[in-house]
Each structure stands twice: as C-alpha cells, then as structure tokens.
C-alpha cells in the first residue's frame, strides 16, 4: 500500500494525551474494536501499526511519555 502523509494541528496538551493513550494501547484493544466479520487479526495488526506510526511521530515532536 502507498504511504500517506498526514499533517495535523493540536495543542501540546492534546498531543501529550494522545501519546499517553497510544502508549497504553495493546493489540487486545485494537482487536476489541474489530467487527467479528472483518479481517480479524489482520485488521487489528494494521490498526496497531497505524497507531504506532502516530505515536512515533508524536515522539519525534517531543511527546514521548515514559
């Protein structure tokens, strides 16, 4: 799949909160959001990869919770 670039604006407080949220997300959380009739684990892993991409971008911007 082709890569996309997403540009967004948010407050530092929002960025920090989102970074904390994404740090706490586990594969089981993504699985819980998948419909039973969808791609199942494949979709959950893809969702997790997307979350990790956002988390990495936030960390690169200085929002990396411990």
PDB file of N, CA and C in Angstrom:
ATOM      1  N   UNK A   1       0.845  -1.173   0.000  1.00  0.00           N
ATOM      2  CA  UNK A   1       0.000   0.000   0.000  1.00  0.00           C
ATOM      3  C   UNK A   1       0.893   1.240   0.000  1.00  0.00           C
ATOM      4  N   UNK A   2       0.439   2.268  -0.694  1.00  0.00           N
ATOM      5  CA  UNK A   2       1.187   3.515  -0.749  1.00  0.00           C
ATOM      6  C   UNK A   2       1.170   4.205   0.602  1.00  0.00           C
ATOM      7  N   UNK A   3       2.239   4.910   0.889  1.00  0.00           N
ATOM      8  CA  UNK A   3       2.326   5.686   2.131  1.00  0.00           C
ATOM      9  C   UNK A   3       1.582   6.995   1.942  1.00  0.00           C
ATOM     10  N   UNK A   4       1.040   7.515   3.016  1.00  0.00           N
ATOM     11  CA  UNK A   4       0.385   8.812   3.016  1.00  0.00           C
ATOM     12  C   UNK A   4       1.027   9.684   4.087  1.00  0.00           C
ATOM     13  N   UNK A   5       0.948  10.976   3.892  1.00  0.00           N
ATOM     14  CA  UNK A   5       1.427  11.931   4.887  1.00  0.00           C
ATOM     15  C   UNK A   5       0.218  12.653   5.452  1.00  0.00           C
ATOM     16  N   UNK A   6       0.143  12.716   6.765  1.00  0.00           N
ATOM     17  CA  UNK A   6      -0.955  13.389   7.444  1.00  0.00           C
ATOM     18  C   UNK A   6      -0.363  14.534   8.255  1.00  0.00           C
ATOM     19  N   UNK A   7      -0.892  15.713   8.059  1.00  0.00           N
ATOM     20  CA  UNK A   7      -0.460  16.878   8.823  1.00  0.00           C
ATOM     21  C   UNK A   7      -1.628  17.319   9.688  1.00  0.00           C
ATOM     22  N   UNK A   8      -1.363  17.580  10.964  1.00  0.00           N
ATOM     23  CA  UNK A   8      -2.449  17.997  11.852  1.00  0.00           C
ATOM     24  C   UNK A   8      -1.938  19.013  12.854  1.00  0.00           C
ATOM     25  N   UNK A   9      -2.864  19.735  13.405  1.00  0.00           N
ATOM     26  CA  UNK A   9      -2.543  20.677  14.466  1.00  0.00           C
ATOM     27  C   UNK A   9      -3.348  20.312  15.697  1.00  0.00           C
ATOM     28  N   UNK A  10      -2.700  20.378  16.848  1.00  0.00           N
ATOM     29  CA  UNK A  10      -3.366  20.161  18.123  1.00  0.00           C
ATOM     30  C   UNK A  10      -2.560  20.870  19.192  1.00  0.00           C
ATOM     31  N   UNK A  11      -3.147  21.033  20.335  1.00  0.00           N
ATOM     32  CA  UNK A  11      -2.426  21.664  21.440  1.00  0.00           C
ATOM     33  C   UNK A  11      -1.395  20.679  21.998  1.00  0.00           C
ATOM     34  N   UNK A  12      -0.439  21.202  22.723  1.00  0.00           N
ATOM     35  CA  UNK A  12       0.529  20.333  23.382  1.00  0.00           C
ATOM     36  C   UNK A  12      -0.146  19.392  24.358  1.00  0.00           C
ATOM     37  N   UNK A  13      -1.182  19.875  25.024  1.00  0.00           N
ATOM     38  CA  UNK A  13      -1.921  19.029  25.971  1.00  0.00           C
ATOM     39  C   UNK A  13      -2.599  17.871  25.234  1.00  0.00           C
ATOM     40  N   UNK A  14      -3.186  18.155  24.078  1.00  0.00           N
ATOM     41  CA  UNK A  14      -3.814  17.095  23.286  1.00  0.00           C
ATOM     42  C   UNK A  14      -2.770  16.101  22.774  1.00  0.00           C
ATOM     43  N   UNK A  15      -1.633  16.619  22.320  1.00  0.00           N
ATOM     44  CA  UNK A  15      -0.575  15.748  21.807  1.00  0.00           C
ATOM     45  C   UNK A  15      -0.053  14.830  22.902  1.00  0.00           C
ATOM     46  N   UNK A  16       0.150  15.375  24.091  1.00  0.00           N
ATOM     47  CA  UNK A  16       0.640  14.559  25.210  1.00  0.00           C
ATOM     48  C   UNK A  16      -0.388  13.499  25.589  1.00  0.00           C
ATOM     49  N   UNK A  17      -1.664  13.893  25.646  1.00  0.00           N
ATOM     50  CA  UNK A  17      -2.723  12.940  25.998  1.00  0.00           C
ATOM     51  C   UNK A  17      -2.823  11.830  24.956  1.00  0.00           C
ATOM     52  N   UNK A  18      -2.732  12.183  23.684  1.00  0.00           N
ATOM     53  CA  UNK A  18      -2.793  11.172  22.627  1.00  0.00           C
ATOM     54  C   UNK A  18      -1.590  10.244  22.693  1.00  0.00           C
ATOM     55  N   UNK A  19      -0.415  10.794  22.975  1.00  0.00           N
ATOM     56  CA  UNK A  19       0.793   9.971  23.108  1.00  0.00           C
ATOM     57  C   UNK A  19       0.639   8.969  24.255  1.00  0.00           C
ATOM     58  N   UNK A  20       0.080   9.407  25.357  1.00  0.00           N
ATOM     59  CA  UNK A  20      -0.147   8.513  26.500  1.00  0.00           C
ATOM     60  C   UNK A  20      -1.150   7.424  26.118  1.00  0.00           C
ATOM     61  N   UNK A  21      -2.235   7.828  25.461  1.00  0.00           N
ATOM     62  CA  UNK A  21      -3.252   6.873  25.030  1.00  0.00           C
ATOM     63  C   UNK A  21      -2.656   5.804  24.130  1.00  0.00           C
ATOM     64  N   UNK A  22      -1.897   6.229  23.123  1.00  0.00           N
ATOM     65  CA  UNK A  22      -1.323   5.276  22.173  1.00  0.00           C
ATOM     66  C   UNK A  22      -0.285   4.373  22.835  1.00  0.00           C
ATOM     67  N   UNK A  23       0.439   4.902  23.816  1.00  0.00           N
ATOM     68  CA  UNK A  23       1.415   4.075  24.533  1.00  0.00           C
ATOM     69  C   UNK A  23       0.710   2.947  25.291  1.00  0.00           C
ATOM     70  N   UNK A  24      -0.483   3.232  25.779  1.00  0.00           N
ATOM     71  CA  UNK A  24      -1.225   2.255  26.588  1.00  0.00           C
ATOM     72  C   UNK A  24      -2.029   1.256  25.758  1.00  0.00           C
ATOM     73  N   UNK A  25      -2.197   1.525  24.470  1.00  0.00           N
ATOM     74  CA  UNK A  25      -2.982   0.628  23.616  1.00  0.00           C
ATOM     75  C   UNK A  25      -2.216  -0.672  23.386  1.00  0.00           C
ATOM     76  N   UNK A  26      -2.919  -1.776  23.544  1.00  0.00           N
ATOM     77  CA  UNK A  26      -2.352  -3.097  23.323  1.00  0.00           C
ATOM     78  C   UNK A  26      -3.080  -3.729  22.136  1.00  0.00           C
ATOM     79  N   UNK A  27      -2.514  -4.794  21.605  1.00  0.00           N
ATOM     80  CA  UNK A  27      -3.156  -5.486  20.487  1.00  0.00           C
ATOM     81  C   UNK A  27      -4.579  -5.901  20.856  1.00  0.00           C
ATOM     82  N   UNK A  28      -4.787  -6.301  22.083  1.00  0.00           N
ATOM     83  CA  UNK A  28      -6.137  -6.706  22.514  1.00  0.00           C
ATOM     84  C   UNK A  28      -7.129  -5.552  22.415  1.00  0.00           C
ATOM     85  N   UNK A  29      -6.667  -4.322  22.637  1.00  0.00           N
ATOM     86  CA  UNK A  29      -7.540  -3.157  22.498  1.00  0.00           C
ATOM     87  C   UNK A  29      -7.958  -2.965  21.045  1.00  0.00           C
ATOM     88  N   UNK A  30      -7.012  -3.116  20.136  1.00  0.00           N
ATOM     89  CA  UNK A  30      -7.334  -2.998  18.710  1.00  0.00           C
ATOM     90  C   UNK A  30      -8.250  -4.142  18.278  1.00  0.00           C
ATOM     91  N   UNK A  31      -7.982  -5.336  18.772  1.00  0.00           N
ATOM     92  CA  UNK A  31      -8.834  -6.489  18.436  1.00  0.00           C
ATOM     93  C   UNK A  31     -10.276  -6.240  18.880  1.00  0.00           C
ATOM     94  N   UNK A  32     -10.426  -5.623  20.048  1.00  0.00           N
ATOM     95  CA  UNK A  32     -11.766  -5.363  20.585  1.00  0.00           C
ATOM     96  C   UNK A  32     -12.558  -4.408  19.707  1.00  0.00           C
ATOM     97  N   UNK A  33     -11.878  -3.619  18.899  1.00  0.00           N
ATOM     98  CA  UNK A  33     -12.549  -2.655  18.022  1.00  0.00           C
ATOM     99  C   UNK A  33     -12.851  -3.222  16.638  1.00  0.00           C
ATOM    100  N   UNK A  34     -12.424  -4.431  16.354  1.00  0.00           N
ATOM    101  CA  UNK A  34     -12.672  -5.062  15.050  1.00  0.00           C
ATOM    102  C   UNK A  34     -14.032  -5.744  15.064  1.00  0.00           C
ATOM    103  N   UNK A  35     -14.750  -5.609  13.967  1.00  0.00           N
ATOM    104  CA  UNK A  35     -16.015  -6.324  13.817  1.00  0.00           C
ATOM    105  C   UNK A  35     -15.695  -7.812  13.651  1.00  0.00           C
ATOM    106  N   UNK A  36     -16.519  -8.695  14.186  1.00  0.00           N
ATOM    107  CA  UNK A  36     -16.267 -10.131  14.042  1.00  0.00           C
ATOM    108  C   UNK A  36     -16.196 -10.595  12.587  1.00  0.00           C
ATOM    109  N   UNK A  37     -16.891  -9.900  11.704  1.00  0.00           N
ATOM    110  CA  UNK A  37     -16.928 -10.329  10.305  1.00  0.00           C
ATOM    111  C   UNK A  37     -15.886  -9.634   9.432  1.00  0.00           C
ATOM    112  N   UNK A  38     -14.960  -8.887  10.034  1.00  0.00           N
ATOM    113  CA  UNK A  38     -13.922  -8.218   9.250  1.00  0.00           C
ATOM    114  C   UNK A  38     -12.682  -9.100   9.170  1.00  0.00           C
ATOM    115  N   UNK A  39     -11.569  -8.511   8.858  1.00  0.00           N
ATOM    116  CA  UNK A  39     -10.333  -9.262   8.661  1.00  0.00           C
ATOM    117  C   UNK A  39      -9.710  -9.745   9.966  1.00  0.00           C
ATOM    118  N   UNK A  40     -10.351  -9.480  11.095  1.00  0.00           N
ATOM    119  CA  UNK A  40      -9.887 -10.004  12.373  1.00  0.00           C
ATOM    120  C   UNK A  40      -8.500  -9.539  12.739  1.00  0.00           C
ATOM    121  N   UNK A  41      -7.611 -10.476  13.011  1.00  0.00           N
ATOM    122  CA  UNK A  41      -6.264 -10.138  13.461  1.00  0.00           C
ATOM    123  C   UNK A  41      -5.507  -9.301  12.437  1.00  0.00           C
ATOM    124  N   UNK A  42      -5.718  -9.552  11.173  1.00  0.00           N
ATOM    125  CA  UNK A  42      -5.023  -8.768  10.150  1.00  0.00           C
ATOM    126  C   UNK A  42      -5.378  -7.292  10.282  1.00  0.00           C
ATOM    127  N   UNK A  43      -6.650  -6.989  10.484  1.00  0.00           N
ATOM    128  CA  UNK A  43      -7.083  -5.608  10.661  1.00  0.00           C
ATOM    129  C   UNK A  43      -6.539  -5.041  11.974  1.00  0.00           C
ATOM    130  N   UNK A  44      -6.572  -5.831  13.029  1.00  0.00           N
ATOM    131  CA  UNK A  44      -6.062  -5.372  14.329  1.00  0.00           C
ATOM    132  C   UNK A  44      -4.575  -5.013  14.233  1.00  0.00           C
ATOM    133  N   UNK A  45      -3.793  -5.842  13.566  1.00  0.00           N
ATOM    134  CA  UNK A  45      -2.371  -5.542  13.399  1.00  0.00           C
ATOM    135  C   UNK A  45      -2.167  -4.281  12.561  1.00  0.00           C
ATOM    136  N   UNK A  46      -2.980  -4.092  11.524  1.00  0.00           N
ATOM    137  CA  UNK A  46      -2.869  -2.901  10.689  1.00  0.00           C
ATOM    138  C   UNK A  46      -3.230  -1.656  11.492  1.00  0.00           C
ATOM    139  N   UNK A  47      -4.276  -1.758  12.305  1.00  0.00           N
ATOM    140  CA  UNK A  47      -4.653  -0.641  13.171  1.00  0.00           C
ATOM    141  C   UNK A  47      -3.521  -0.313  14.142  1.00  0.00           C
ATOM    142  N   UNK A  48      -2.920  -1.348  14.726  1.00  0.00           N
ATOM    143  CA  UNK A  48      -1.822  -1.150  15.669  1.00  0.00           C
ATOM    144  C   UNK A  48      -0.637  -0.483  14.984  1.00  0.00           C
ATOM    145  N   UNK A  49      -0.320  -0.898  13.778  1.00  0.00           N
ATOM    146  CA  UNK A  49       0.784  -0.288  13.028  1.00  0.00           C
ATOM    147  C   UNK A  49       0.516   1.193  12.780  1.00  0.00           C
ATOM    148  N   UNK A  50      -0.728   1.535  12.452  1.00  0.00           N
ATOM    149  CA  UNK A  50      -1.090   2.934  12.262  1.00  0.00           C
ATOM    150  C   UNK A  50      -0.947   3.727  13.550  1.00  0.00           C
ATOM    151  N   UNK A  51      -1.400   3.148  14.649  1.00  0.00           N
ATOM    152  CA  UNK A  51      -1.247   3.801  15.955  1.00  0.00           C
ATOM    153  C   UNK A  51       0.213   4.016  16.303  1.00  0.00           C
ATOM    154  N   UNK A  52       1.038   3.026  16.010  1.00  0.00           N
ATOM    155  CA  UNK A  52       2.478   3.150  16.288  1.00  0.00           C
ATOM    156  C   UNK A  52       3.119   4.225  15.419  1.00  0.00           C
ATOM    157  N   UNK A  53       2.644   4.386  14.178  1.00  0.00           N
ATOM    158  CA  UNK A  53       3.174   5.436  13.312  1.00  0.00           C
ATOM    159  C   UNK A  53       2.855   6.815  13.896  1.00  0.00           C
ATOM    160  N   UNK A  54       1.643   6.990  14.396  1.00  0.00           N
ATOM    161  CA  UNK A  54       1.266   8.264  15.021  1.00  0.00           C
ATOM    162  C   UNK A  54       2.063   8.471  16.306  1.00  0.00           C
ATOM    163  N   UNK A  55       2.205   7.403  17.104  1.00  0.00           N
ATOM    164  CA  UNK A  55       2.961   7.513  18.358  1.00  0.00           C
ATOM    165  C   UNK A  55       4.403   7.907  18.087  1.00  0.00           C
ATOM    166  N   UNK A  56       5.013   7.342  17.062  1.00  0.00           N
ATOM    167  CA  UNK A  56       6.388   7.676  16.695  1.00  0.00           C
ATOM    168  C   UNK A  56       6.495   9.130  16.256  1.00  0.00           C
ATOM    169  N   UNK A  57       5.529   9.591  15.464  1.00  0.00           N
ATOM    170  CA  UNK A  57       5.535  10.993  15.029  1.00  0.00           C
ATOM    171  C   UNK A  57       5.400  11.931  16.225  1.00  0.00           C
ATOM    172  N   UNK A  58       4.560  11.564  17.178  1.00  0.00           N
ATOM    173  CA  UNK A  58       4.427  12.378  18.382  1.00  0.00           C
ATOM    174  C   UNK A  58       5.726  12.388  19.183  1.00  0.00           C
ATOM    175  N   UNK A  59       6.367  11.243  19.280  1.00  0.00           N
ATOM    176  CA  UNK A  59       7.650  11.171  19.991  1.00  0.00           C
ATOM    177  C   UNK A  59       8.698  12.036  19.297  1.00  0.00           C
ATOM    178  N   UNK A  60       8.713  12.006  17.976  1.00  0.00           N
ATOM    179  CA  UNK A  60       9.675  12.820  17.211  1.00  0.00           C
ATOM    180  C   UNK A  60       9.420  14.309  17.428  1.00  0.00           C
ATOM    181  N   UNK A  61       8.155  14.661  17.743  1.00  0.00           N
ATOM    182  CA  UNK A  61       7.791  16.051  18.005  1.00  0.00           C
ATOM    183  C   UNK A  61       7.987  16.430  19.470  1.00  0.00           C
ATOM    184  N   UNK A  62       8.490  15.477  20.273  1.00  0.00           N
ATOM    185  CA  UNK A  62       8.787  15.773  21.676  1.00  0.00           C
ATOM    186  C   UNK A  62       7.737  15.296  22.663  1.00  0.00           C
ATOM    187  N   UNK A  63       6.800  14.501  22.207  1.00  0.00           N
ATOM    188  CA  UNK A  63       5.748  13.989  23.080  1.00  0.00           C
ATOM    189  C   UNK A  63       5.903  12.473  23.218  1.00  0.00           C
ATOM    190  N   UNK A  64       6.783  12.081  24.125  1.00  0.00           N
ATOM    191  CA  UNK A  64       7.078  10.661  24.342  1.00  0.00           C
ATOM    192  C   UNK A  64       6.977  10.363  25.840  1.00  0.00           C
ATOM    193  N   UNK A  65       5.790   9.955  26.288  1.00  0.00           N
ATOM    194  CA  UNK A  65       5.632   9.677  27.723  1.00  0.00           C
ATOM    195  C   UNK A  65       6.486   8.490  28.142  1.00  0.00           C
ATOM    196  N   UNK A  66       6.885   8.496  29.371  1.00  0.00           N
ATOM    197  CA  UNK A  66       7.698   7.396  29.912  1.00  0.00           C
ATOM    198  C   UNK A  66       6.840   6.229  30.257  1.00  0.00           C
TER     199      UNK A  66
END
